[in-house]
Amino acid sequence: MYLLIEKVYLVIEEEHLLIEKMYFGIESVYFNGQCPIGVG
C-alpha cells in the first residue's frame, strides 16, 4: 500500500516536471519567437 502511494507521488512529480518544461518552452517561444524542442 505504501509503495503504491510512493509510485503515485513519483508519477505526479514527473507530470509536474513535464508541465514546468512546457511552461518554460512557451516562455522561450515568447522570448525568442522560435518553437522550442518538444513543443509543437
PDB file of N, CA and C in Angstrom:
ATOM      1  N   MET A   1       0.842  -1.201   0.000  1.00  0.00           N
ATOM      2  CA  MET A   1       0.000   0.000   0.000  1.00  0.00           C
ATOM      3  C   MET A   1       0.875   1.248   0.000  1.00  0.00           C
ATOM      4  N   TYR A   2       1.881   1.251   0.846  1.00  0.00           N
ATOM      5  CA  TYR A   2       2.762   2.418   0.945  1.00  0.00           C
ATOM      6  C   TYR A   2       3.520   2.621  -0.356  1.00  0.00           C
ATOM      7  N   LEU A   3       3.960   1.512  -0.962  1.00  0.00           N
ATOM      8  CA  LEU A   3       4.692   1.590  -2.229  1.00  0.00           C
ATOM      9  C   LEU A   3       3.812   2.184  -3.323  1.00  0.00           C
ATOM     10  N   LEU A   4       2.538   1.833  -3.295  1.00  0.00           N
ATOM     11  CA  LEU A   4       1.600   2.346  -4.291  1.00  0.00           C
ATOM     12  C   LEU A   4       1.506   3.870  -4.187  1.00  0.00           C
ATOM     13  N   ILE A   5       1.382   4.363  -2.958  1.00  0.00           N
ATOM     14  CA  ILE A   5       1.306   5.810  -2.740  1.00  0.00           C
ATOM     15  C   ILE A   5       2.584   6.476  -3.235  1.00  0.00           C
ATOM     16  N   GLU A   6       3.721   5.838  -2.956  1.00  0.00           N
ATOM     17  CA  GLU A   6       5.003   6.382  -3.381  1.00  0.00           C
ATOM     18  C   GLU A   6       5.055   6.484  -4.907  1.00  0.00           C
ATOM     19  N   LYS A   7       4.574   5.444  -5.582  1.00  0.00           N
ATOM     20  CA  LYS A   7       4.545   5.431  -7.052  1.00  0.00           C
ATOM     21  C   LYS A   7       3.685   6.574  -7.568  1.00  0.00           C
ATOM     22  N   VAL A   8       2.530   6.765  -6.944  1.00  0.00           N
ATOM     23  CA  VAL A   8       1.629   7.845  -7.363  1.00  0.00           C
ATOM     24  C   VAL A   8       2.336   9.187  -7.236  1.00  0.00           C
ATOM     25  N   TYR A   9       3.053   9.373  -6.125  1.00  0.00           N
ATOM     26  CA  TYR A   9       3.777  10.630  -5.929  1.00  0.00           C
ATOM     27  C   TYR A   9       4.826  10.828  -7.016  1.00  0.00           C
ATOM     28  N   LEU A  10       5.539   9.764  -7.376  1.00  0.00           N
ATOM     29  CA  LEU A  10       6.553   9.851  -8.429  1.00  0.00           C
ATOM     30  C   LEU A  10       5.917  10.245  -9.756  1.00  0.00           C
ATOM     31  N   VAL A  11       4.765   9.658 -10.062  1.00  0.00           N
ATOM     32  CA  VAL A  11       4.068   9.992 -11.313  1.00  0.00           C
ATOM     33  C   VAL A  11       3.660  11.458 -11.305  1.00  0.00           C
ATOM     34  N   ILE A  12       3.114  11.921 -10.174  1.00  0.00           N
ATOM     35  CA  ILE A  12       2.697  13.322 -10.064  1.00  0.00           C
ATOM     36  C   ILE A  12       3.906  14.237 -10.246  1.00  0.00           C
ATOM     37  N   GLU A  13       5.037  13.861  -9.647  1.00  0.00           N
ATOM     38  CA  GLU A  13       6.254  14.656  -9.779  1.00  0.00           C
ATOM     39  C   GLU A  13       6.677  14.748 -11.235  1.00  0.00           C
ATOM     40  N   GLU A  14       6.634  13.613 -11.943  1.00  0.00           N
ATOM     41  CA  GLU A  14       7.003  13.588 -13.360  1.00  0.00           C
ATOM     42  C   GLU A  14       6.082  14.497 -14.160  1.00  0.00           C
ATOM     43  N   GLU A  15       4.778  14.403 -13.880  1.00  0.00           N
ATOM     44  CA  GLU A  15       3.807  15.247 -14.575  1.00  0.00           C
ATOM     45  C   GLU A  15       4.120  16.716 -14.319  1.00  0.00           C
ATOM     46  N   HIS A  16       4.448  17.032 -13.071  1.00  0.00           N
ATOM     47  CA  HIS A  16       4.744  18.409 -12.686  1.00  0.00           C
ATOM     48  C   HIS A  16       5.955  18.919 -13.454  1.00  0.00           C
ATOM     49  N   LEU A  17       6.992  18.085 -13.549  1.00  0.00           N
ATOM     50  CA  LEU A  17       8.193  18.463 -14.295  1.00  0.00           C
ATOM     51  C   LEU A  17       7.860  18.686 -15.761  1.00  0.00           C
ATOM     52  N   LEU A  18       6.995  17.823 -16.301  1.00  0.00           N
ATOM     53  CA  LEU A  18       6.595  17.943 -17.701  1.00  0.00           C
ATOM     54  C   LEU A  18       5.879  19.275 -17.927  1.00  0.00           C
ATOM     55  N   ILE A  19       4.964  19.617 -17.019  1.00  0.00           N
ATOM     56  CA  ILE A  19       4.217  20.873 -17.131  1.00  0.00           C
ATOM     57  C   ILE A  19       5.174  22.055 -17.019  1.00  0.00           C
ATOM     58  N   GLU A  20       6.149  21.965 -16.087  1.00  0.00           N
ATOM     59  CA  GLU A  20       7.130  23.037 -15.939  1.00  0.00           C
ATOM     60  C   GLU A  20       7.914  23.223 -17.223  1.00  0.00           C
ATOM     61  N   LYS A  21       8.342  22.103 -17.826  1.00  0.00           N
ATOM     62  CA  LYS A  21       9.088  22.160 -19.087  1.00  0.00           C
ATOM     63  C   LYS A  21       8.248  22.836 -20.160  1.00  0.00           C
ATOM     64  N   MET A  22       6.950  22.490 -20.195  1.00  0.00           N
ATOM     65  CA  MET A  22       6.065  23.086 -21.188  1.00  0.00           C
ATOM     66  C   MET A  22       5.978  24.590 -20.981  1.00  0.00           C
ATOM     67  N   TYR A  23       5.863  25.014 -19.709  1.00  0.00           N
ATOM     68  CA  TYR A  23       5.777  26.442 -19.435  1.00  0.00           C
ATOM     69  C   TYR A  23       7.055  27.153 -19.855  1.00  0.00           C
ATOM     70  N   PHE A  24       8.210  26.540 -19.553  1.00  0.00           N
ATOM     71  CA  PHE A  24       9.486  27.130 -19.975  1.00  0.00           C
ATOM     72  C   PHE A  24       9.551  27.199 -21.488  1.00  0.00           C
ATOM     73  N   GLY A  25       9.046  26.175 -22.156  1.00  0.00           N
ATOM     74  CA  GLY A  25       9.025  26.148 -23.616  1.00  0.00           C
ATOM     75  C   GLY A  25       8.181  27.282 -24.172  1.00  0.00           C
ATOM     76  N   ILE A  26       7.002  27.470 -23.573  1.00  0.00           N
ATOM     77  CA  ILE A  26       6.101  28.532 -24.031  1.00  0.00           C
ATOM     78  C   ILE A  26       6.757  29.890 -23.794  1.00  0.00           C
ATOM     79  N   GLU A  27       7.407  30.057 -22.641  1.00  0.00           N
ATOM     80  CA  GLU A  27       8.100  31.308 -22.340  1.00  0.00           C
ATOM     81  C   GLU A  27       9.183  31.579 -23.363  1.00  0.00           C
ATOM     82  N   SER A  28       9.951  30.547 -23.699  1.00  0.00           N
ATOM     83  CA  SER A  28      11.046  30.732 -24.645  1.00  0.00           C
ATOM     84  C   SER A  28      10.499  31.072 -26.030  1.00  0.00           C
ATOM     85  N   VAL A  29       9.284  30.599 -26.337  1.00  0.00           N
ATOM     86  CA  VAL A  29       8.666  30.973 -27.615  1.00  0.00           C
ATOM     87  C   VAL A  29       8.443  32.479 -27.624  1.00  0.00           C
ATOM     88  N   TYR A  30       7.929  32.997 -26.517  1.00  0.00           N
ATOM     89  CA  TYR A  30       7.657  34.427 -26.450  1.00  0.00           C
ATOM     90  C   TYR A  30       8.949  35.235 -26.515  1.00  0.00           C
ATOM     91  N   PHE A  31       9.993  34.738 -25.850  1.00  0.00           N
ATOM     92  CA  PHE A  31      11.254  35.478 -25.808  1.00  0.00           C
ATOM     93  C   PHE A  31      12.006  35.405 -27.131  1.00  0.00           C
ATOM     94  N   ASN A  32      12.045  34.220 -27.726  1.00  0.00           N
ATOM     95  CA  ASN A  32      12.880  34.021 -28.915  1.00  0.00           C
ATOM     96  C   ASN A  32      12.099  34.095 -30.215  1.00  0.00           C
ATOM     97  N   GLY A  33      10.792  33.937 -30.129  1.00  0.00           N
ATOM     98  CA  GLY A  33       9.995  33.869 -31.340  1.00  0.00           C
ATOM     99  C   GLY A  33      10.234  32.577 -32.098  1.00  0.00           C
ATOM    100  N   GLN A  34      10.752  31.562 -31.388  1.00  0.00           N
ATOM    101  CA  GLN A  34      11.046  30.278 -32.015  1.00  0.00           C
ATOM    102  C   GLN A  34      10.282  29.173 -31.306  1.00  0.00           C
ATOM    103  N   CYS A  35      10.113  28.058 -31.996  1.00  0.00           N
ATOM    104  CA  CYS A  35       9.457  26.901 -31.404  1.00  0.00           C
ATOM    105  C   CYS A  35      10.507  26.037 -30.717  1.00  0.00           C
ATOM    106  N   PRO A  36      10.428  25.876 -29.397  1.00  0.00           N
ATOM    107  CA  PRO A  36      11.410  25.072 -28.669  1.00  0.00           C
ATOM    108  C   PRO A  36      11.249  23.587 -28.945  1.00  0.00           C
ATOM    109  N   ILE A  37      12.260  22.829 -28.617  1.00  0.00           N
ATOM    110  CA  ILE A  37      12.229  21.383 -28.814  1.00  0.00           C
ATOM    111  C   ILE A  37      11.155  20.771 -27.911  1.00  0.00           C
ATOM    112  N   GLY A  38      10.366  19.903 -28.468  1.00  0.00           N
ATOM    113  CA  GLY A  38       9.382  19.172 -27.678  1.00  0.00           C
ATOM    114  C   GLY A  38       8.025  19.845 -27.633  1.00  0.00           C
ATOM    115  N   VAL A  39       7.924  21.110 -28.048  1.00  0.00           N
ATOM    116  CA  VAL A  39       6.626  21.789 -28.056  1.00  0.00           C
ATOM    117  C   VAL A  39       6.254  22.093 -29.498  1.00  0.00           C
ATOM    118  N   GLY A  40       5.052  21.730 -29.872  1.00  0.00           N
ATOM    119  CA  GLY A  40       4.628  21.976 -31.254  1.00  0.00           C
ATOM    120  C   GLY A  40       5.221  20.952 -32.173  1.00  0.00           C
TER     121      GLY A  40
END
